[in-house]
N, C-alpha and C. Protein backbone atom coordinates (compact mmCIF):
# COMPACT_ATOMS: atom_id res chain seq x y z
N LYS A 1 0.81 -1.20 0.00
CA LYS A 1 0.00 0.00 0.00
C LYS A 1 0.85 1.26 0.00
N ALA A 2 1.96 1.23 0.73
CA ALA A 2 2.79 2.43 0.83
C ALA A 2 3.29 2.87 -0.54
N GLY A 3 3.68 1.91 -1.37
CA GLY A 3 4.16 2.25 -2.71
C GLY A 3 3.09 2.91 -3.55
N SER A 4 1.86 2.43 -3.42
CA SER A 4 0.75 3.03 -4.16
C SER A 4 0.46 4.44 -3.68
N ILE A 5 0.49 4.63 -2.38
CA ILE A 5 0.22 5.95 -1.81
C ILE A 5 1.30 6.93 -2.24
N LEU A 6 2.56 6.56 -2.05
CA LEU A 6 3.65 7.47 -2.40
C LEU A 6 3.72 7.70 -3.90
N GLY A 7 3.47 6.67 -4.69
CA GLY A 7 3.47 6.84 -6.14
C GLY A 7 2.36 7.78 -6.60
N GLY A 8 1.18 7.63 -6.01
CA GLY A 8 0.07 8.52 -6.35
C GLY A 8 0.37 9.95 -5.97
N LEU A 9 0.94 10.14 -4.79
CA LEU A 9 1.30 11.49 -4.35
C LEU A 9 2.37 12.08 -5.26
N TRP A 10 3.37 11.28 -5.61
CA TRP A 10 4.44 11.74 -6.50
C TRP A 10 3.87 12.24 -7.83
N ARG A 11 3.02 11.44 -8.44
CA ARG A 11 2.43 11.84 -9.73
C ARG A 11 1.59 13.10 -9.59
N ARG A 12 0.80 13.19 -8.55
CA ARG A 12 -0.07 14.36 -8.35
C ARG A 12 0.75 15.62 -8.13
N ILE A 13 1.78 15.51 -7.30
CA ILE A 13 2.61 16.68 -7.01
C ILE A 13 3.39 17.10 -8.25
N LYS A 14 3.89 16.15 -9.02
CA LYS A 14 4.62 16.48 -10.24
C LYS A 14 3.72 17.14 -11.28
N ASN A 15 2.46 16.72 -11.35
CA ASN A 15 1.53 17.28 -12.33
C ASN A 15 1.02 18.66 -11.93
N ASP A 16 0.94 18.93 -10.63
CA ASP A 16 0.43 20.21 -10.14
C ASP A 16 1.23 20.62 -8.90
N PRO A 17 2.47 21.06 -9.08
CA PRO A 17 3.36 21.28 -7.93
C PRO A 17 3.07 22.53 -7.11
N LYS A 18 2.49 23.55 -7.69
CA LYS A 18 2.35 24.83 -6.99
C LYS A 18 1.64 24.76 -5.64
N PRO A 19 0.56 23.99 -5.49
CA PRO A 19 -0.09 23.96 -4.18
C PRO A 19 0.74 23.27 -3.09
N PHE A 20 1.75 22.52 -3.49
CA PHE A 20 2.48 21.69 -2.55
C PHE A 20 3.92 22.12 -2.31
N LEU A 21 4.57 22.64 -3.34
CA LEU A 21 6.01 22.84 -3.29
C LEU A 21 6.39 24.31 -3.22
N ASP A 22 7.51 24.57 -2.60
CA ASP A 22 8.06 25.91 -2.47
C ASP A 22 8.60 26.38 -3.82
N GLY A 23 8.14 27.53 -4.26
CA GLY A 23 8.55 28.06 -5.55
C GLY A 23 10.05 28.28 -5.67
N ARG A 24 10.66 28.76 -4.61
CA ARG A 24 12.11 29.01 -4.64
C ARG A 24 12.89 27.70 -4.81
N THR A 25 12.47 26.68 -4.08
CA THR A 25 13.13 25.38 -4.19
C THR A 25 12.96 24.81 -5.60
N MET A 26 11.76 24.96 -6.16
CA MET A 26 11.54 24.47 -7.52
C MET A 26 12.45 25.18 -8.51
N GLU A 27 12.63 26.50 -8.35
CA GLU A 27 13.49 27.26 -9.26
C GLU A 27 14.96 26.87 -9.10
N GLU A 28 15.40 26.72 -7.86
CA GLU A 28 16.82 26.46 -7.61
C GLU A 28 17.23 25.01 -7.84
N GLU A 29 16.35 24.08 -7.48
CA GLU A 29 16.73 22.67 -7.50
C GLU A 29 15.91 21.83 -8.48
N GLY A 30 14.83 22.38 -8.99
CA GLY A 30 13.97 21.66 -9.91
C GLY A 30 12.79 21.01 -9.20
N VAL A 31 11.78 20.70 -9.98
CA VAL A 31 10.55 20.13 -9.43
C VAL A 31 10.80 18.75 -8.83
N ASP A 32 11.62 17.93 -9.49
CA ASP A 32 11.87 16.58 -8.96
C ASP A 32 12.48 16.63 -7.56
N ALA A 33 13.48 17.47 -7.38
CA ALA A 33 14.14 17.58 -6.07
C ALA A 33 13.18 18.13 -5.02
N ALA A 34 12.40 19.13 -5.40
CA ALA A 34 11.45 19.72 -4.45
C ALA A 34 10.37 18.70 -4.06
N ALA A 35 9.88 17.94 -5.03
CA ALA A 35 8.86 16.92 -4.75
C ALA A 35 9.44 15.81 -3.89
N ARG A 36 10.65 15.40 -4.21
CA ARG A 36 11.32 14.35 -3.42
C ARG A 36 11.48 14.80 -1.96
N ASP A 37 11.93 16.03 -1.75
CA ASP A 37 12.12 16.53 -0.40
C ASP A 37 10.80 16.65 0.34
N PHE A 38 9.77 17.10 -0.36
CA PHE A 38 8.45 17.24 0.25
C PHE A 38 7.92 15.88 0.71
N ILE A 39 8.00 14.90 -0.15
CA ILE A 39 7.50 13.56 0.18
C ILE A 39 8.37 12.91 1.26
N ALA A 40 9.67 13.09 1.18
CA ALA A 40 10.57 12.49 2.17
C ALA A 40 10.34 13.05 3.56
N GLY A 41 9.88 14.29 3.63
CA GLY A 41 9.64 14.92 4.92
C GLY A 41 8.29 14.60 5.54
N MET A 42 7.45 13.89 4.83
CA MET A 42 6.12 13.55 5.34
C MET A 42 6.19 12.45 6.39
N THR A 43 5.35 12.58 7.40
CA THR A 43 5.14 11.44 8.29
C THR A 43 4.22 10.46 7.58
N ASP A 44 4.19 9.24 8.05
CA ASP A 44 3.28 8.25 7.46
C ASP A 44 1.85 8.73 7.55
N ARG A 45 1.49 9.25 8.70
CA ARG A 45 0.11 9.71 8.92
C ARG A 45 -0.25 10.83 7.96
N TYR A 46 0.65 11.80 7.79
CA TYR A 46 0.38 12.90 6.87
C TYR A 46 0.24 12.41 5.44
N ALA A 47 1.10 11.49 5.01
CA ALA A 47 1.03 10.96 3.65
C ALA A 47 -0.32 10.29 3.41
N VAL A 48 -0.79 9.50 4.36
CA VAL A 48 -2.08 8.82 4.21
C VAL A 48 -3.21 9.84 4.18
N GLU A 49 -3.17 10.82 5.08
CA GLU A 49 -4.23 11.84 5.11
C GLU A 49 -4.26 12.66 3.82
N LEU A 50 -3.09 13.04 3.31
CA LEU A 50 -3.04 13.80 2.06
C LEU A 50 -3.56 12.95 0.91
N TYR A 51 -3.17 11.70 0.86
CA TYR A 51 -3.66 10.80 -0.18
C TYR A 51 -5.19 10.70 -0.13
N GLN A 52 -5.73 10.52 1.05
CA GLN A 52 -7.19 10.44 1.19
C GLN A 52 -7.85 11.72 0.71
N ARG A 53 -7.29 12.85 1.09
CA ARG A 53 -7.87 14.14 0.71
C ARG A 53 -7.84 14.32 -0.81
N LEU A 54 -6.78 13.86 -1.46
CA LEU A 54 -6.63 14.09 -2.89
C LEU A 54 -7.32 13.06 -3.77
N PHE A 55 -7.41 11.81 -3.32
CA PHE A 55 -7.83 10.73 -4.21
C PHE A 55 -9.11 9.98 -3.81
N ILE A 56 -9.52 10.08 -2.58
CA ILE A 56 -10.67 9.29 -2.15
C ILE A 56 -11.87 10.22 -1.94
N PRO A 57 -12.96 9.95 -2.63
CA PRO A 57 -14.16 10.79 -2.45
C PRO A 57 -14.57 10.83 -0.97
N LYS A 58 -14.96 11.99 -0.51
CA LYS A 58 -15.27 12.18 0.91
C LYS A 58 -16.27 11.17 1.47
N PRO A 59 -17.34 10.82 0.76
CA PRO A 59 -18.27 9.84 1.34
C PRO A 59 -17.63 8.47 1.62
N TRP A 60 -16.49 8.17 0.98
CA TRP A 60 -15.84 6.88 1.17
C TRP A 60 -14.93 6.88 2.38
N VAL A 61 -14.42 8.03 2.79
CA VAL A 61 -13.50 8.11 3.92
C VAL A 61 -14.23 7.74 5.19
N GLY A 62 -13.66 6.82 5.94
CA GLY A 62 -14.26 6.41 7.20
C GLY A 62 -15.27 5.30 7.08
N VAL A 63 -15.56 4.86 5.86
CA VAL A 63 -16.52 3.76 5.66
C VAL A 63 -15.78 2.45 5.75
N GLY A 64 -16.37 1.51 6.43
CA GLY A 64 -15.79 0.18 6.43
C GLY A 64 -15.25 -0.17 7.73
């Protein structure tokens, strides 16, 4: 599951980096480095919560 979550976040952040990444870091180091640092700094809990917020329709969260 972790690979799917991190892969999904990676693709989403790479496709639309502005809401997630620091503009200065993107300019100086590139989007890949900024995305890598952003994801690497996430706690497990934050990564799961962000994934749920971005990819799982709200009525599905908490069901089951």
